[in-house]
Protein backbone atom coordinates (compact mmCIF):
# COMPACT_ATOMS: atom_id res chain seq x y z
CA UNK A 1 15.84 37.49 279.35
CA UNK A 2 14.95 36.81 275.72
CA UNK A 3 12.31 39.10 274.30
CA UNK A 4 10.06 36.18 272.97
CA UNK A 5 9.71 35.13 276.59
CA UNK A 6 7.02 36.75 278.67
CA UNK A 7 8.05 38.09 282.05
CA UNK A 8 5.11 38.15 284.19
CA UNK A 9 5.15 39.56 287.75
CA UNK A 10 2.01 38.88 289.74
CA UNK A 11 0.97 40.62 293.04
CA UNK A 12 0.71 38.09 295.71
CA UNK A 13 -1.32 38.58 298.86
CA UNK A 14 -1.69 36.15 301.64
CA UNK A 15 -5.38 36.85 301.89
CA UNK A 16 -6.08 35.40 298.52
CA UNK A 17 -3.29 32.72 297.80
CA UNK A 18 -5.54 30.94 295.51
CA UNK A 19 -5.86 33.78 293.10
CA UNK A 20 -2.19 33.94 291.92
CA UNK A 21 -2.17 30.28 291.14
CA UNK A 22 -5.58 30.29 289.17
CA UNK A 23 -4.37 33.35 287.41
CA UNK A 24 -0.81 31.75 286.43
CA UNK A 25 -2.65 28.48 285.25
CA UNK A 26 -4.87 30.55 283.19
CA UNK A 27 -2.20 32.16 281.27
CA UNK A 28 -0.12 28.96 280.94
CA UNK A 29 -3.31 27.14 279.40
CA UNK A 30 -3.69 29.58 276.76
CA UNK A 31 0.00 30.99 276.10
CA UNK A 32 1.52 30.24 272.86
CA UNK A 33 5.02 31.55 273.85
CA UNK A 34 7.18 30.70 276.97
CA UNK A 35 6.38 32.71 280.11
CA UNK A 36 8.25 33.34 283.46
CA UNK A 37 6.22 34.14 286.53
CA UNK A 38 7.42 36.10 289.75
CA UNK A 39 5.12 36.37 292.42
CA UNK A 40 5.82 39.77 294.27
CA UNK A 41 5.52 38.43 297.89
CA UNK A 42 6.43 40.94 300.58
CA UNK A 43 8.17 38.32 302.75
CA UNK A 44 10.63 37.39 299.79
CA UNK A 45 11.74 41.11 299.25
CA UNK A 46 13.58 41.59 302.45
CA UNK A 47 15.68 44.84 302.52
CA UNK A 48 14.35 45.91 299.01
CA UNK A 49 10.76 47.00 300.42
CA UNK A 50 10.76 48.65 303.90
CA UNK A 51 7.83 51.05 303.52
CA UNK A 52 4.92 51.03 306.14
CA UNK A 53 1.57 49.59 305.35
CA UNK A 54 -0.85 52.36 304.17
CA UNK A 55 -4.15 52.24 306.12
CA UNK A 56 -5.65 52.84 302.57
CA UNK A 57 -4.03 50.17 300.52
CA UNK A 58 -6.32 47.03 299.85
CA UNK A 59 -3.67 44.40 298.92
CA UNK A 60 -0.12 43.59 300.14
CA UNK A 61 1.38 44.72 296.70
CA UNK A 62 -0.23 48.00 296.52
CA UNK A 63 3.24 49.67 296.35
CA UNK A 64 5.60 46.79 295.79
CA UNK A 65 4.40 46.51 292.28
CA UNK A 66 6.49 49.41 291.38
CA UNK A 67 9.81 47.31 291.99
CA UNK A 68 9.22 45.45 288.97
CA UNK A 69 11.74 47.67 286.84
CA UNK A 70 14.18 47.35 289.79
CA UNK A 71 13.80 43.53 290.01
CA UNK A 72 14.09 43.14 286.34
CA UNK A 73 17.52 45.08 286.51
CA UNK A 74 16.02 47.82 284.50
CA UNK A 75 16.31 45.55 281.20
CA UNK A 76 13.83 44.42 278.74
CA UNK A 77 10.03 44.65 279.32
CA UNK A 78 8.20 43.11 282.19
CA UNK A 79 4.46 42.64 282.75
CA UNK A 80 2.70 43.47 286.14
CA UNK A 81 -0.87 42.43 286.96
CA UNK A 82 -2.84 42.05 290.04
CA UNK A 83 -3.51 38.45 291.25
CA UNK A 84 -7.31 38.97 291.04
CA UNK A 85 -7.40 38.38 287.25
CA UNK A 86 -8.29 35.87 284.77
CA UNK A 87 -6.65 35.37 281.36
CA UNK A 88 -9.11 34.46 278.58
CA UNK A 89 -6.64 34.77 275.80
CA UNK A 90 -3.22 34.01 274.56
CA UNK A 91 -0.66 36.43 276.76
CA UNK A 92 1.31 36.63 273.29
CA UNK A 93 -1.15 39.05 272.07
CA UNK A 94 -0.73 41.29 274.99
CA UNK A 95 3.09 40.78 274.72
CA UNK A 96 3.15 41.79 270.96
CA UNK A 97 1.56 45.21 272.07
CA UNK A 98 4.97 46.53 273.37
CA UNK A 99 6.04 49.67 271.84
CA UNK A 100 9.57 50.98 272.54
CA UNK A 101 8.54 54.72 272.39
CA UNK A 102 6.74 54.31 275.54
CA UNK A 103 7.93 53.68 279.14
CA UNK A 104 5.12 52.20 280.29
CA UNK A 105 1.63 50.80 278.78
CA UNK A 106 -1.56 50.23 280.33
CA UNK A 107 -5.30 50.44 279.94
CA UNK A 108 -6.24 54.00 280.57
CA UNK A 109 -9.49 53.70 282.47
CA UNK A 110 -12.02 56.59 282.75
CA UNK A 111 -14.51 55.73 285.39
CA UNK A 112 -15.55 56.40 288.84
CA UNK A 113 -15.92 53.11 291.00
CA UNK A 114 -19.46 52.00 291.58
CA UNK A 115 -18.95 51.04 295.32
CA UNK A 116 -17.57 52.47 298.63
CA UNK A 117 -16.04 49.01 300.06
CA UNK A 118 -14.25 46.27 298.17
CA UNK A 119 -13.41 42.72 299.38
CA UNK A 120 -12.96 42.29 303.30
CA UNK A 121 -14.55 45.92 303.83
CA UNK A 122 -11.47 47.46 302.30
CA UNK A 123 -12.15 51.28 301.45
CA UNK A 124 -12.61 51.70 297.56
CA UNK A 125 -10.16 54.66 297.17
CA UNK A 126 -11.16 56.88 294.21
CA UNK A 127 -8.28 58.91 292.39
CA UNK A 128 -7.50 60.10 288.80
CA UNK A 129 -5.98 57.09 286.73
CA UNK A 130 -7.65 54.55 289.05
CA UNK A 131 -6.75 51.18 288.32
CA UNK A 132 -4.16 51.88 285.46
CA UNK A 133 -1.39 50.39 287.70
CA UNK A 134 -3.26 47.10 287.97
CA UNK A 135 -1.78 45.71 284.49
CA UNK A 136 1.41 47.52 283.47
CA UNK A 137 3.65 46.63 280.85
CA UNK A 138 7.13 48.03 282.00
CA UNK A 139 9.79 49.26 279.31
CA UNK A 140 12.27 48.74 282.19
CA UNK A 141 15.03 50.91 280.80
CA UNK A 142 12.92 53.63 280.62
CA UNK A 143 11.67 53.33 284.32
CA UNK A 144 14.85 53.90 286.24
CA UNK A 145 13.05 56.67 288.25
CA UNK A 146 11.54 53.73 290.05
CA UNK A 147 14.56 52.93 292.17
CA UNK A 148 14.36 51.19 295.31
CA UNK A 149 14.73 54.21 297.36
CA UNK A 150 12.02 56.21 295.45
CA UNK A 151 9.47 53.11 295.83
CA UNK A 152 9.90 53.02 299.39
CA UNK A 153 9.37 56.79 299.92
CA UNK A 154 7.18 58.25 297.11
CA UNK A 155 3.51 59.00 298.03
CA UNK A 156 0.85 56.55 296.78
CA UNK A 157 -0.34 59.04 294.15
CA UNK A 158 3.05 59.61 293.05
CA UNK A 159 3.31 55.89 292.35
CA UNK A 160 -0.16 54.87 290.96
CA UNK A 161 -0.71 58.21 288.66
CA UNK A 162 2.78 57.65 286.93
CA UNK A 163 4.22 60.64 288.41
CA UNK A 164 7.56 59.00 288.16
CA UNK A 165 7.47 59.58 284.47
CA UNK A 166 8.12 63.21 283.01
CA UNK A 167 4.90 63.40 281.14
CA UNK A 168 1.70 61.15 280.35
CA UNK A 169 2.99 61.35 276.86
CA UNK A 170 5.34 58.32 277.97
CA UNK A 171 2.27 56.03 278.75
CA UNK A 172 1.21 53.92 275.95
CA UNK A 173 -2.42 52.92 275.81
CA UNK A 174 -3.51 49.09 275.84
CA UNK A 175 -7.23 47.97 274.76
CA UNK A 176 -9.49 47.58 277.57
CA UNK A 177 -10.05 44.13 276.98
CA UNK A 178 -6.82 43.38 278.60
CA UNK A 179 -7.80 44.82 282.01
CA UNK A 180 -11.57 44.51 281.98
CA UNK A 181 -13.06 45.51 285.15
CA UNK A 182 -15.87 43.09 286.34
CA UNK A 183 -19.09 44.70 287.68
CA UNK A 184 -17.60 48.30 286.75
CA UNK A 185 -17.99 47.40 282.94
CA UNK A 186 -20.89 45.21 281.38
CA UNK A 187 -19.81 41.87 280.47
CA UNK A 188 -18.46 41.32 277.09
CA UNK A 189 -17.23 38.04 275.45
CA UNK A 190 -14.25 39.37 273.98
CA UNK A 191 -12.62 40.54 277.20
CA UNK A 192 -9.07 38.87 277.13
CA UNK A 193 -7.97 39.70 280.79
CA UNK A 194 -10.78 40.20 283.31
CA UNK A 195 -10.13 41.82 286.68
CA UNK A 196 -12.31 40.87 289.69
CA UNK A 197 -11.09 44.53 291.06
CA UNK A 198 -14.30 44.67 293.52
CA UNK A 199 -13.39 41.14 294.74
CA UNK A 200 -12.54 37.70 293.48
CA UNK A 201 -15.05 35.25 293.20
CA UNK A 202 -13.39 33.10 295.84
CA UNK A 203 -14.94 35.58 298.27
CA UNK A 204 -18.53 34.49 299.02
CA UNK A 205 -19.99 37.78 298.13
CA UNK A 206 -18.49 37.84 294.80
CA UNK A 207 -18.87 34.04 293.69
CA UNK A 208 -21.90 34.70 291.01
CA UNK A 209 -20.27 37.84 289.37
CA UNK A 210 -19.52 37.88 285.68
CA UNK A 211 -16.84 35.40 284.56
CA UNK A 212 -16.96 33.63 287.94
CA UNK A 213 -17.79 30.18 286.56
CA UNK A 214 -14.83 30.42 284.22
CA UNK A 215 -12.67 31.24 287.32
CA UNK A 216 -14.00 28.16 289.22
CA UNK A 217 -13.49 26.02 286.15
CA UNK A 218 -9.73 27.24 286.13
CA UNK A 219 -9.54 26.57 289.73
CA UNK A 220 -10.53 22.90 289.07
CA UNK A 221 -7.71 22.68 286.55
CA UNK A 222 -5.29 23.85 289.03
CA UNK A 223 -6.32 20.97 291.42
CA UNK A 224 -6.51 18.46 288.84
CA UNK A 225 -4.13 15.48 288.48
CA UNK A 226 -4.07 12.32 286.52
CA UNK A 227 -4.36 9.12 288.74
CA UNK A 228 -2.79 5.67 287.91
CA UNK A 229 -5.05 3.72 285.85
């Protein structure tokens, strides 16, 4: 894959199918560079992903996201992001932050979730490095520890706390505006990639959250078509 083409893997969950398509559209409409999307769909992974579902995981891609370097043949860079996000800026700005001295890059959140349960009554698990893994730039050649076997057998904390790296020094920091947590942080107009981490506006209880009106407007774009005059 060319370095000037952004390779983007998006977590796909059958409980929130619309989220994937709206996120991709929000990226497409604002991107100034070519992008390639790969949805991480459990049914598509076959024998590559065989670990049993954990009772604490809130999405189908909680652990399969760590297959991104493997799916990228451990070459070049790839972005992973949760589907419950909305791009408000050019993804080329995020792509340009890649720094080869790091194995992975992300927003290094330092917070304790305000709520105990997320969408559909899922438990809001609390742990160190919470939400760091919801948007990751993978320098794939430096992520060979994320073999298919390791991703299928490692503990959740080993994966989400980046324990597959030798040290945290290998994790580069991305500005918080590139994984801005809705409801956890106060609304700011310069947020570039907002993350409906508690629940997307497609769930009734979150339809009035910050940035929800922008999400619904983008959903209308997904549904738009030009009819014959």
